[in-house]
C-alpha atoms as a PDB file:
ATOM      1  CA  MET A   1      28.451 -26.589  36.669  1.00  0.00           C
ATOM      2  CA  SER A   2      25.239 -24.745  35.805  1.00  0.00           C
ATOM      3  CA  SER A   3      23.321 -25.683  32.711  1.00  0.00           C
ATOM      4  CA  PRO A   4      23.107 -23.050  29.944  1.00  0.00           C
ATOM      5  CA  THR A   5      19.992 -20.947  29.939  1.00  0.00           C
ATOM      6  CA  ILE A   6      17.841 -21.355  26.866  1.00  0.00           C
ATOM      7  CA  SER A   7      16.236 -18.073  25.872  1.00  0.00           C
ATOM      8  CA  ARG A   8      12.702 -18.328  24.693  1.00  0.00           C
ATOM      9  CA  PRO A   9      11.464 -16.187  21.825  1.00  0.00           C
ATOM     10  CA  HIS A  10       9.635 -13.093  23.037  1.00  0.00           C
ATOM     11  CA  ARG A  11       5.920 -13.431  22.523  1.00  0.00           C
ATOM     12  CA  ARG A  12       4.276 -10.313  21.190  1.00  0.00           C
ATOM     13  CA  GLU A  13       1.597  -8.983  23.503  1.00  0.00           C
ATOM     14  CA  ASP A  14      -1.890  -8.698  22.110  1.00  0.00           C
ATOM     15  CA  GLU A  15      -3.012  -5.260  23.277  1.00  0.00           C
ATOM     16  CA  PHE A  16      -6.646  -5.904  22.350  1.00  0.00           C
ATOM     17  CA  THR A  17      -7.228  -8.984  24.522  1.00  0.00           C
ATOM     18  CA  GLY A  18      -4.628  -8.556  27.259  1.00  0.00           C
ATOM     19  CA  GLU A  19      -5.564  -7.242  30.695  1.00  0.00           C
ATOM     20  CA  ARG A  20      -2.729  -4.714  30.841  1.00  0.00           C
ATOM     21  CA  HIS A  21      -0.899  -2.642  28.242  1.00  0.00           C
ATOM     22  CA  VAL A  22       2.843  -2.026  28.271  1.00  0.00           C
ATOM     23  CA  PHE A  23       4.043   0.353  25.584  1.00  0.00           C
ATOM     24  CA  VAL A  24       7.685  -0.218  24.731  1.00  0.00           C
ATOM     25  CA  PRO A  25       9.787   0.698  21.679  1.00  0.00           C
ATOM     26  CA  HIS A  26       9.017  -1.626  18.811  1.00  0.00           C
ATOM     27  CA  SER A  27       9.501  -1.993  15.121  1.00  0.00           C
ATOM     28  CA  VAL A  28       6.699  -1.158  12.738  1.00  0.00           C
ATOM     29  CA  GLY A  29       4.629  -4.188  11.835  1.00  0.00           C
ATOM     30  CA  LEU A  30       1.171  -5.639  11.595  1.00  0.00           C
ATOM     31  CA  PRO A  31      -0.808  -6.091  14.819  1.00  0.00           C
ATOM     32  CA  PRO A  32      -2.543  -9.419  15.518  1.00  0.00           C
ATOM     33  CA  LEU A  33      -5.129  -9.256  12.731  1.00  0.00           C
ATOM     34  CA  ARG A  34      -7.720 -11.531  14.311  1.00  0.00           C
ATOM     35  CA  SER A  35      -7.992  -9.651  17.597  1.00  0.00           C
ATOM     36  CA  TYR A  36      -7.656  -6.334  15.755  1.00  0.00           C
ATOM     37  CA  GLY A  37     -10.652  -7.178  13.586  1.00  0.00           C
ATOM     38  CA  HIS A  38     -12.608  -8.343  16.616  1.00  0.00           C
ATOM     39  CA  GLU A  39     -11.887  -5.100  18.461  1.00  0.00           C
ATOM     40  CA  LEU A  40     -12.703  -3.084  15.351  1.00  0.00           C
ATOM     41  CA  TRP A  41     -16.142  -4.687  15.193  1.00  0.00           C
ATOM     42  CA  ARG A  42     -16.700  -4.409  18.942  1.00  0.00           C
ATOM     43  CA  ARG A  43     -16.077  -0.670  18.813  1.00  0.00           C
ATOM     44  CA  ARG A  44     -18.114   0.011  15.672  1.00  0.00           C
ATOM     45  CA  GLU A  45     -20.442   2.272  17.676  1.00  0.00           C
ATOM     46  CA  PHE A  46     -17.429   4.487  18.326  1.00  0.00           C
ATOM     47  CA  ALA A  47     -17.004   5.007  14.577  1.00  0.00           C
ATOM     48  CA  PHE A  48     -20.707   5.797  14.161  1.00  0.00           C
ATOM     49  CA  GLU A  49     -20.555   8.316  16.989  1.00  0.00           C
ATOM     50  CA  LEU A  50     -17.526   9.986  15.395  1.00  0.00           C
ATOM     51  CA  ALA A  51     -19.465  10.184  12.124  1.00  0.00           C
ATOM     52  CA  ARG A  52     -22.493  11.702  13.841  1.00  0.00           C
ATOM     53  CA  THR A  53     -20.244  14.237  15.585  1.00  0.00           C
ATOM     54  CA  LYS A  54     -18.739  15.251  12.246  1.00  0.00           C
ATOM     55  CA  LEU A  55     -22.200  15.689  10.754  1.00  0.00           C
ATOM     56  CA  ARG A  56     -23.273  17.818  13.693  1.00  0.00           C
ATOM     57  CA  GLU A  57     -20.260  20.038  13.040  1.00  0.00           C
ATOM     58  CA  GLN A  58     -21.619  20.488   9.508  1.00  0.00           C
ATOM     59  CA  ASN A  59     -25.076  21.411  10.905  1.00  0.00           C
ATOM     60  CA  PHE A  60     -26.556  18.194   9.551  1.00  0.00           C
ATOM     61  CA  ASP A  61     -29.020  18.093  12.450  1.00  0.00           C
ATOM     62  CA  THR A  62     -30.614  21.412  11.433  1.00  0.00           C
ATOM     63  CA  ALA A  63     -33.253  21.980   8.755  1.00  0.00           C
ATOM     64  CA  PHE A  64     -31.078  24.385   6.762  1.00  0.00           C
ATOM     65  CA  GLY A  65     -28.089  22.074   7.064  1.00  0.00           C
ATOM     66  CA  GLN A  66     -30.047  19.151   5.627  1.00  0.00           C
ATOM     67  CA  LEU A  67     -31.488  21.387   2.886  1.00  0.00           C
ATOM     68  CA  TRP A  68     -28.028  22.561   1.867  1.00  0.00           C
ATOM     69  CA  LEU A  69     -26.796  18.980   1.922  1.00  0.00           C
ATOM     70  CA  LEU A  70     -29.328  18.223  -0.822  1.00  0.00           C
ATOM     71  CA  LEU A  71     -29.106  21.482  -2.762  1.00  0.00           C
ATOM     72  CA  ASN A  72     -25.324  21.686  -2.946  1.00  0.00           C
ATOM     73  CA  PRO A  73     -24.720  18.579  -5.131  1.00  0.00           C
ATOM     74  CA  LEU A  74     -27.876  19.285  -7.143  1.00  0.00           C
ATOM     75  CA  LEU A  75     -26.758  22.834  -7.992  1.00  0.00           C
ATOM     76  CA  LEU A  76     -23.302  21.502  -8.820  1.00  0.00           C
ATOM     77  CA  ALA A  77     -24.851  18.953 -11.191  1.00  0.00           C
ATOM     78  CA  LEU A  78     -26.950  21.685 -12.819  1.00  0.00           C
ATOM     79  CA  VAL A  79     -23.871  23.844 -13.429  1.00  0.00           C
ATOM     80  CA  TYR A  80     -21.983  20.925 -14.974  1.00  0.00           C
ATOM     81  CA  PHE A  81     -24.996  20.026 -17.137  1.00  0.00           C
ATOM     82  CA  LEU A  82     -25.252  23.576 -18.506  1.00  0.00           C
ATOM     83  CA  LEU A  83     -21.519  23.620 -19.179  1.00  0.00           C
ATOM     84  CA  VAL A  84     -21.523  20.281 -21.012  1.00  0.00           C
ATOM     85  CA  ASP A  85     -24.758  21.086 -22.858  1.00  0.00           C
ATOM     86  CA  ILE A  86     -23.326  24.397 -24.084  1.00  0.00           C
ATOM     87  CA  LEU A  87     -20.137  22.716 -25.254  1.00  0.00           C
ATOM     88  CA  ARG A  88     -22.172  20.069 -27.079  1.00  0.00           C
ATOM     89  CA  GLY A  89     -24.428  22.626 -28.754  1.00  0.00           C
ATOM     90  CA  GLY A  90     -27.513  21.843 -26.679  1.00  0.00           C
ATOM     91  CA  SER A  91     -27.687  18.230 -27.857  1.00  0.00           C
ATOM     92  CA  ARG A  92     -27.733  16.522 -24.476  1.00  0.00           C
ATOM     93  CA  PRO A  93     -30.982  14.580 -23.824  1.00  0.00           C
ATOM     94  CA  PRO A  94     -32.832  14.662 -20.458  1.00  0.00           C
ATOM     95  CA  SER A  95     -31.522  11.172 -19.689  1.00  0.00           C
ATOM     96  CA  PHE A  96     -28.000  12.598 -19.659  1.00  0.00           C
ATOM     97  CA  PHE A  97     -28.931  14.927 -16.812  1.00  0.00           C
ATOM     98  CA  ALA A  98     -30.080  11.893 -14.805  1.00  0.00           C
ATOM     99  CA  HIS A  99     -26.762  10.183 -15.611  1.00  0.00           C
ATOM    100  CA  LEU A 100     -24.832  13.304 -14.593  1.00  0.00           C
ATOM    101  CA  VAL A 101     -26.696  13.725 -11.308  1.00  0.00           C
ATOM    102  CA  GLY A 102     -26.493  10.032 -10.378  1.00  0.00           C
ATOM    103  CA  CYS A 103     -22.782   9.690 -11.199  1.00  0.00           C
ATOM    104  CA  LEU A 104     -21.923  12.977  -9.508  1.00  0.00           C
ATOM    105  CA  PHE A 105     -23.660  11.807  -6.326  1.00  0.00           C
ATOM    106  CA  ALA A 106     -21.715   8.525  -6.496  1.00  0.00           C
ATOM    107  CA  PHE A 107     -18.449  10.394  -7.045  1.00  0.00           C
ATOM    108  CA  GLN A 108     -19.234  12.595  -4.040  1.00  0.00           C
ATOM    109  CA  LEU A 109     -19.365   9.432  -1.919  1.00  0.00           C
ATOM    110  CA  ILE A 110     -15.684   8.840  -2.698  1.00  0.00           C
ATOM    111  CA  HIS A 111     -14.852  12.554  -2.595  1.00  0.00           C
ATOM    112  CA  ASN A 112     -16.310  13.114   0.880  1.00  0.00           C
ATOM    113  CA  ALA A 113     -14.738   9.955   2.309  1.00  0.00           C
ATOM    114  CA  MET A 114     -11.292  11.104   1.186  1.00  0.00           C
ATOM    115  CA  THR A 115     -11.578  14.781   2.134  1.00  0.00           C
ATOM    116  CA  VAL A 116     -12.885  13.930   5.604  1.00  0.00           C
ATOM    117  CA  GLY A 117     -10.645  10.906   6.060  1.00  0.00           C
ATOM    118  CA  VAL A 118      -7.377  12.592   5.060  1.00  0.00           C
ATOM    119  CA  LYS A 119      -7.181  14.494   8.372  1.00  0.00           C
ATOM    120  CA  SER A 120      -8.899  11.894  10.519  1.00  0.00           C
ATOM    121  CA  VAL A 121      -5.633  10.669  12.075  1.00  0.00           C
ATOM    122  CA  THR A 122      -3.797  13.994  12.348  1.00  0.00           C
ATOM    123  CA  LYS A 123      -6.840  15.663  13.913  1.00  0.00           C
ATOM    124  CA  GLY A 124      -7.275  12.764  16.328  1.00  0.00           C
ATOM    125  CA  GLY A 125      -3.854  13.266  17.897  1.00  0.00           C
ATOM    126  CA  LYS A 126      -5.035  13.663  21.500  1.00  0.00           C
ATOM    127  CA  LEU A 127      -7.310  10.656  21.162  1.00  0.00           C
ATOM    128  CA  ILE A 128      -4.505   8.535  19.739  1.00  0.00           C
ATOM    129  CA  LEU A 129      -2.049   9.576  22.459  1.00  0.00           C
ATOM    130  CA  ASN A 130      -4.438   8.967  25.351  1.00  0.00           C
ATOM    131  CA  SER A 131      -6.487   5.927  24.295  1.00  0.00           C
ATOM    132  CA  ALA A 132      -5.825   2.406  23.061  1.00  0.00           C
ATOM    133  CA  PHE A 133      -8.176   1.540  20.208  1.00  0.00           C
ATOM    134  CA  PRO A 134      -7.920   0.396  16.571  1.00  0.00           C
ATOM    135  CA  ARG A 135      -6.835   3.539  14.724  1.00  0.00           C
ATOM    136  CA  ALA A 136      -8.590   2.330  11.567  1.00  0.00           C
ATOM    137  CA  LEU A 137     -11.831   3.463  13.207  1.00  0.00           C
ATOM    138  CA  LEU A 138     -10.853   7.066  12.423  1.00  0.00           C
ATOM    139  CA  PRO A 139     -10.799   6.864   8.593  1.00  0.00           C
ATOM    140  CA  LEU A 140     -13.653   4.339   8.610  1.00  0.00           C
ATOM    141  CA  SER A 141     -15.792   6.865  10.486  1.00  0.00           C
ATOM    142  CA  ALA A 142     -15.141   9.244   7.570  1.00  0.00           C
ATOM    143  CA  VAL A 143     -16.640   6.636   5.228  1.00  0.00           C
ATOM    144  CA  ILE A 144     -19.720   6.406   7.460  1.00  0.00           C
ATOM    145  CA  THR A 145     -19.999  10.197   7.379  1.00  0.00           C
ATOM    146  CA  SER A 146     -19.823  10.121   3.593  1.00  0.00           C
ATOM    147  CA  LEU A 147     -22.484   7.401   3.429  1.00  0.00           C
ATOM    148  CA  MET A 148     -24.810   9.413   5.673  1.00  0.00           C
ATOM    149  CA  ARG A 149     -24.394  12.366   3.332  1.00  0.00           C
ATOM    150  CA  PHE A 150     -24.925  10.174   0.258  1.00  0.00           C
ATOM    151  CA  LEU A 151     -28.180   8.491   1.262  1.00  0.00           C
ATOM    152  CA  PRO A 152     -30.300  11.696   1.332  1.00  0.00           C
ATOM    153  CA  THR A 153     -29.158  12.538  -2.204  1.00  0.00           C
ATOM    154  CA  LEU A 154     -31.078   9.490  -3.428  1.00  0.00           C
ATOM    155  CA  LEU A 155     -34.242  11.397  -2.534  1.00  0.00           C
ATOM    156  CA  ILE A 156     -33.166  14.067  -5.019  1.00  0.00           C
ATOM    157  CA  TYR A 157     -32.248  11.574  -7.725  1.00  0.00           C
ATOM    158  CA  ILE A 158     -35.460   9.506  -7.672  1.00  0.00           C
ATOM    159  CA  PRO A 159     -37.779  12.214  -9.128  1.00  0.00           C
ATOM    160  CA  ILE A 160     -35.093  13.138 -11.693  1.00  0.00           C
ATOM    161  CA  HIS A 161     -34.958   9.489 -12.733  1.00  0.00           C
ATOM    162  CA  PHE A 162     -38.693   9.367 -13.481  1.00  0.00           C
ATOM    163  CA  ILE A 163     -38.818  12.811 -15.105  1.00  0.00           C
ATOM    164  CA  ALA A 164     -36.054  11.705 -17.468  1.00  0.00           C
ATOM    165  CA  GLY A 165     -38.205   8.709 -18.454  1.00  0.00           C
ATOM    166  CA  LEU A 166     -35.706   6.107 -17.321  1.00  0.00           C
ATOM    167  CA  PRO A 167     -37.081   2.635 -16.537  1.00  0.00           C
ATOM    168  CA  VAL A 168     -37.118   0.735 -13.266  1.00  0.00           C
ATOM    169  CA  SER A 169     -36.406  -2.948 -13.819  1.00  0.00           C
ATOM    170  CA  GLY A 170     -34.549  -5.867 -12.337  1.00  0.00           C
ATOM    171  CA  ALA A 171     -31.308  -4.453 -13.746  1.00  0.00           C
ATOM    172  CA  THR A 172     -31.768  -1.395 -11.535  1.00  0.00           C
ATOM    173  CA  LEU A 173     -31.062  -3.579  -8.487  1.00  0.00           C
ATOM    174  CA  TRP A 174     -27.437  -3.715  -9.606  1.00  0.00           C
ATOM    175  CA  VAL A 175     -27.033  -0.335  -7.886  1.00  0.00           C
ATOM    176  CA  ILE A 176     -26.886  -2.175  -4.540  1.00  0.00           C
ATOM    177  CA  PRO A 177     -23.689  -4.201  -5.199  1.00  0.00           C
ATOM    178  CA  VAL A 178     -22.179  -1.181  -6.955  1.00  0.00           C
ATOM    179  CA  ILE A 179     -22.772   0.957  -3.841  1.00  0.00           C
ATOM    180  CA  LEU A 180     -21.120  -1.739  -1.717  1.00  0.00           C
ATOM    181  CA  LEU A 181     -18.086  -1.733  -4.012  1.00  0.00           C
ATOM    182  CA  LEU A 182     -17.970   2.070  -3.862  1.00  0.00           C
ATOM    183  CA  LEU A 183     -17.947   1.883  -0.062  1.00  0.00           C
ATOM    184  CA  LEU A 184     -15.163  -0.706  -0.157  1.00  0.00           C
ATOM    185  CA  LEU A 185     -13.145   1.556  -2.444  1.00  0.00           C
ATOM    186  CA  ALA A 186     -13.919   4.579  -0.262  1.00  0.00           C
ATOM    187  CA  ALA A 187     -12.725   2.731   2.856  1.00  0.00           C
ATOM    188  CA  GLY A 188      -9.445   1.791   1.189  1.00  0.00           C
ATOM    189  CA  LEU A 189      -8.814   5.296  -0.114  1.00  0.00           C
ATOM    190  CA  ALA A 190      -9.729   6.899   3.226  1.00  0.00           C
ATOM    191  CA  MET A 191      -7.225   4.699   5.082  1.00  0.00           C
ATOM    192  CA  LEU A 192      -4.573   5.338   2.448  1.00  0.00           C
ATOM    193  CA  VAL A 193      -4.794   9.156   2.508  1.00  0.00           C
ATOM    194  CA  ALA A 194      -5.185   9.206   6.314  1.00  0.00           C
ATOM    195  CA  ALA A 195      -1.916   7.314   6.763  1.00  0.00           C
ATOM    196  CA  ALA A 196      -0.143   9.302   4.047  1.00  0.00           C
ATOM    197  CA  GLN A 197      -1.203  12.601   5.655  1.00  0.00           C
ATOM    198  CA  VAL A 198       0.783  11.684   8.773  1.00  0.00           C
ATOM    199  CA  TYR A 199       3.987  11.680   6.703  1.00  0.00           C
ATOM    200  CA  PHE A 200       3.109  14.278   4.049  1.00  0.00           C
ATOM    201  CA  ARG A 201       1.206  17.109   5.730  1.00  0.00           C
ATOM    202  CA  ASP A 202       0.576  18.974   2.456  1.00  0.00           C
ATOM    203  CA  LEU A 203      -1.486  16.117   1.041  1.00  0.00           C
ATOM    204  CA  ALA A 204      -4.733  17.622   2.377  1.00  0.00           C
ATOM    205  CA  ASN A 205      -4.027  20.827   0.442  1.00  0.00           C
ATOM    206  CA  PHE A 206      -3.365  19.012  -2.840  1.00  0.00           C
ATOM    207  CA  LEU A 207      -6.227  16.539  -2.484  1.00  0.00           C
ATOM    208  CA  PRO A 208      -9.047  18.842  -3.761  1.00  0.00           C
ATOM    209  CA  TYR A 209      -7.111  19.462  -6.996  1.00  0.00           C
ATOM    210  CA  MET A 210      -6.380  15.764  -7.424  1.00  0.00           C
ATOM    211  CA  LEU A 211     -10.066  14.937  -6.925  1.00  0.00           C
ATOM    212  CA  ARG A 212     -11.122  17.583  -9.454  1.00  0.00           C
ATOM    213  CA  ILE A 213      -8.828  16.032 -12.078  1.00  0.00           C
ATOM    214  CA  TRP A 214     -10.136  12.583 -11.135  1.00  0.00           C
ATOM    215  CA  LEU A 215     -13.700  13.813 -11.726  1.00  0.00           C
ATOM    216  CA  TYR A 216     -12.826  14.994 -15.241  1.00  0.00           C
ATOM    217  CA  VAL A 217     -11.211  11.685 -16.264  1.00  0.00           C
ATOM    218  CA  SER A 218     -14.115   9.653 -14.834  1.00  0.00           C
ATOM    219  CA  PRO A 219     -17.326   8.915 -16.805  1.00  0.00           C
ATOM    220  CA  VAL A 220     -19.388  11.533 -14.970  1.00  0.00           C
ATOM    221  CA  LEU A 221     -19.574  14.455 -17.391  1.00  0.00           C
ATOM    222  CA  TYR A 222     -19.960  12.024 -20.279  1.00  0.00           C
ATOM    223  CA  PHE A 223     -21.003   8.431 -20.956  1.00  0.00           C
ATOM    224  CA  ALA A 224     -18.243   5.835 -20.931  1.00  0.00           C
ATOM    225  CA  SER A 225     -19.299   4.789 -24.447  1.00  0.00           C
ATOM    226  CA  GLU A 226     -18.458   8.306 -25.710  1.00  0.00           C
ATOM    227  CA  VAL A 227     -14.782   8.107 -24.741  1.00  0.00           C
ATOM    228  CA  PRO A 228     -12.585   7.951 -27.895  1.00  0.00           C
ATOM    229  CA  LYS A 229     -10.508   4.830 -28.387  1.00  0.00           C
ATOM    230  CA  LYS A 230      -7.213   6.618 -27.776  1.00  0.00           C
ATOM    231  CA  TYR A 231      -8.437   7.625 -24.306  1.00  0.00           C
ATOM    232  CA  LYS A 232     -10.007   4.298 -23.302  1.00  0.00           C
ATOM    233  CA  TRP A 233      -6.928   3.498 -21.258  1.00  0.00           C
ATOM    234  CA  LEU A 234      -7.947   6.275 -18.858  1.00  0.00           C
ATOM    235  CA  LEU A 235     -11.013   4.250 -17.899  1.00  0.00           C
ATOM    236  CA  ASP A 236      -8.948   1.071 -17.530  1.00  0.00           C
ATOM    237  CA  VAL A 237      -6.479   2.615 -15.072  1.00  0.00           C
ATOM    238  CA  ASN A 238      -9.186   4.609 -13.279  1.00  0.00           C
ATOM    239  CA  PRO A 239     -10.452   2.856 -10.114  1.00  0.00           C
ATOM    240  CA  LEU A 240     -13.835   4.525 -10.688  1.00  0.00           C
ATOM    241  CA  GLY A 241     -13.978   3.884 -14.434  1.00  0.00           C
ATOM    242  CA  GLY A 242     -15.702   0.503 -14.220  1.00  0.00           C
ATOM    243  CA  LEU A 243     -17.784   1.272 -11.137  1.00  0.00           C
ATOM    244  CA  LEU A 244     -19.275   4.499 -12.519  1.00  0.00           C
ATOM    245  CA  THR A 245     -19.924   2.778 -15.846  1.00  0.00           C
ATOM    246  CA  ALA A 246     -21.787  -0.015 -14.032  1.00  0.00           C
ATOM    247  CA  TRP A 247     -23.600   2.565 -11.879  1.00  0.00           C
ATOM    248  CA  SER A 248     -24.758   4.524 -14.949  1.00  0.00           C
ATOM    249  CA  ASP A 249     -25.878   1.354 -16.748  1.00  0.00           C
ATOM    250  CA  ALA A 250     -27.883   0.177 -13.743  1.00  0.00           C
ATOM    251  CA  LEU A 251     -29.602   3.561 -13.394  1.00  0.00           C
ATOM    252  CA  ARG A 252     -30.609   3.375 -17.061  1.00  0.00           C
ATOM    253  CA  GLY A 253     -32.038  -0.116 -16.614  1.00  0.00           C
ATOM    254  CA  ILE A 254     -29.125  -1.909 -18.282  1.00  0.00           C
ATOM    255  CA  ALA A 255     -27.461  -4.839 -16.542  1.00  0.00           C
ATOM    256  CA  PRO A 256     -23.756  -3.986 -16.123  1.00  0.00           C
ATOM    257  CA  GLY A 257     -21.410  -6.226 -18.035  1.00  0.00           C
ATOM    258  CA  PRO A 258     -18.376  -8.038 -16.604  1.00  0.00           C
ATOM    259  CA  GLY A 259     -16.146  -5.537 -18.390  1.00  0.00           C
ATOM    260  CA  ALA A 260     -17.353  -2.876 -15.950  1.00  0.00           C
ATOM    261  CA  LEU A 261     -17.969  -4.888 -12.788  1.00  0.00           C
ATOM    262  CA  LEU A 262     -14.821  -7.018 -12.708  1.00  0.00           C
ATOM    263  CA  PRO A 263     -12.361  -4.090 -12.904  1.00  0.00           C
ATOM    264  CA  GLY A 264     -14.416  -2.281 -10.257  1.00  0.00           C
ATOM    265  CA  LEU A 265     -14.330  -5.363  -8.028  1.00  0.00           C
ATOM    266  CA  ALA A 266     -10.578  -5.775  -8.539  1.00  0.00           C
ATOM    267  CA  TRP A 267      -9.865  -2.113  -7.747  1.00  0.00           C
ATOM    268  CA  GLY A 268     -12.162  -2.111  -4.721  1.00  0.00           C
ATOM    269  CA  VAL A 269     -10.815  -5.280  -3.111  1.00  0.00           C
ATOM    270  CA  GLY A 270      -7.219  -4.586  -4.110  1.00  0.00           C
ATOM    271  CA  LEU A 271      -7.126  -1.022  -2.777  1.00  0.00           C
ATOM    272  CA  PHE A 272      -8.943  -1.993   0.413  1.00  0.00           C
ATOM    273  CA  LEU A 273      -6.463  -4.775   1.189  1.00  0.00           C
ATOM    274  CA  PHE A 274      -3.393  -2.755   0.229  1.00  0.00           C
ATOM    275  CA  ALA A 275      -4.474   0.387   2.086  1.00  0.00           C
ATOM    276  CA  GLY A 276      -5.694  -1.598   5.082  1.00  0.00           C
ATOM    277  CA  LEU A 277      -2.424  -3.488   5.484  1.00  0.00           C
ATOM    278  CA  PHE A 278      -0.424  -0.295   4.936  1.00  0.00           C
ATOM    279  CA  PHE A 279      -2.472   1.592   7.538  1.00  0.00           C
ATOM    280  CA  LEU A 280      -2.254  -1.199  10.110  1.00  0.00           C
ATOM    281  CA  SER A 281       1.488  -1.604   9.596  1.00  0.00           C
ATOM    282  CA  ARG A 282       2.104   2.100  10.247  1.00  0.00           C
ATOM    283  CA  GLU A 283      -0.482   2.965  12.895  1.00  0.00           C
ATOM    284  CA  ARG A 284       1.820   2.183  15.841  1.00  0.00           C
ATOM    285  CA  GLU A 285       4.116   4.923  14.557  1.00  0.00           C
ATOM    286  CA  PHE A 286       1.361   7.550  14.389  1.00  0.00           C
ATOM    287  CA  ALA A 287       1.785   8.612  18.010  1.00  0.00           C
ATOM    288  CA  VAL A 288       5.448   9.434  17.349  1.00  0.00           C
ATOM    289  CA  ARG A 289       4.669  11.395  14.185  1.00  0.00           C
ATOM    290  CA  LEU A 290       1.780  13.469  15.521  1.00  0.00           C
END
């Protein structure tokens, strides 16, 4: 009489450390996070190269392309300043223009990460079908592209800062952690819209309108302190409300308070973790959807 065979639980193959890859039907779920993170870091140069390729498509490596990269947000800020100044009867001080330019540049960091990242997966269909790599590199490369476009705008802001008579003090160094939180938020949002675009192909068409509304309800065209009490809740539920408030305070030489930094930190970390886990849990299904 033969003894009963005891079936052992199937061990999930780790496609990032294994020597061979066997693709079989599977349920959607999280990949091995440790090896996924290791492979993500090991292939970071791939994300940078994707970002540089995107910038070359936008003529970033030419003199006129770099000039337009600087002039475009500056002209946009000038138009918004004239609009707001006219509506306010010409009462806006020069320091407000510095606030407007600085916050608009910071908002563009999020804007560019989302508009480039939303199609990063759907446009990378051939790459996804023919290569095994962490798909999160695609939206993260969009964040790198946005950062590369953001850094030159600081060269435009610096002279505006001094012309407006704003101080440079120890509180100004708060811009560094705020930029890091903006990048964390941008990474989360880029992964979220990139994954959502796979299922809802019209998202890329609606995104510019959504971002325009988001700009108007964010403290860019006005100081956060000028928001009436009945609309304060818009800043509380706005992921950029606290971060842009802290950014504006730091640029004006004021140390940001916990009321601005803590909500920004919570939104940044929370959205990054939620979007990251959502993206990783769905990325194995991308090849079927593309």
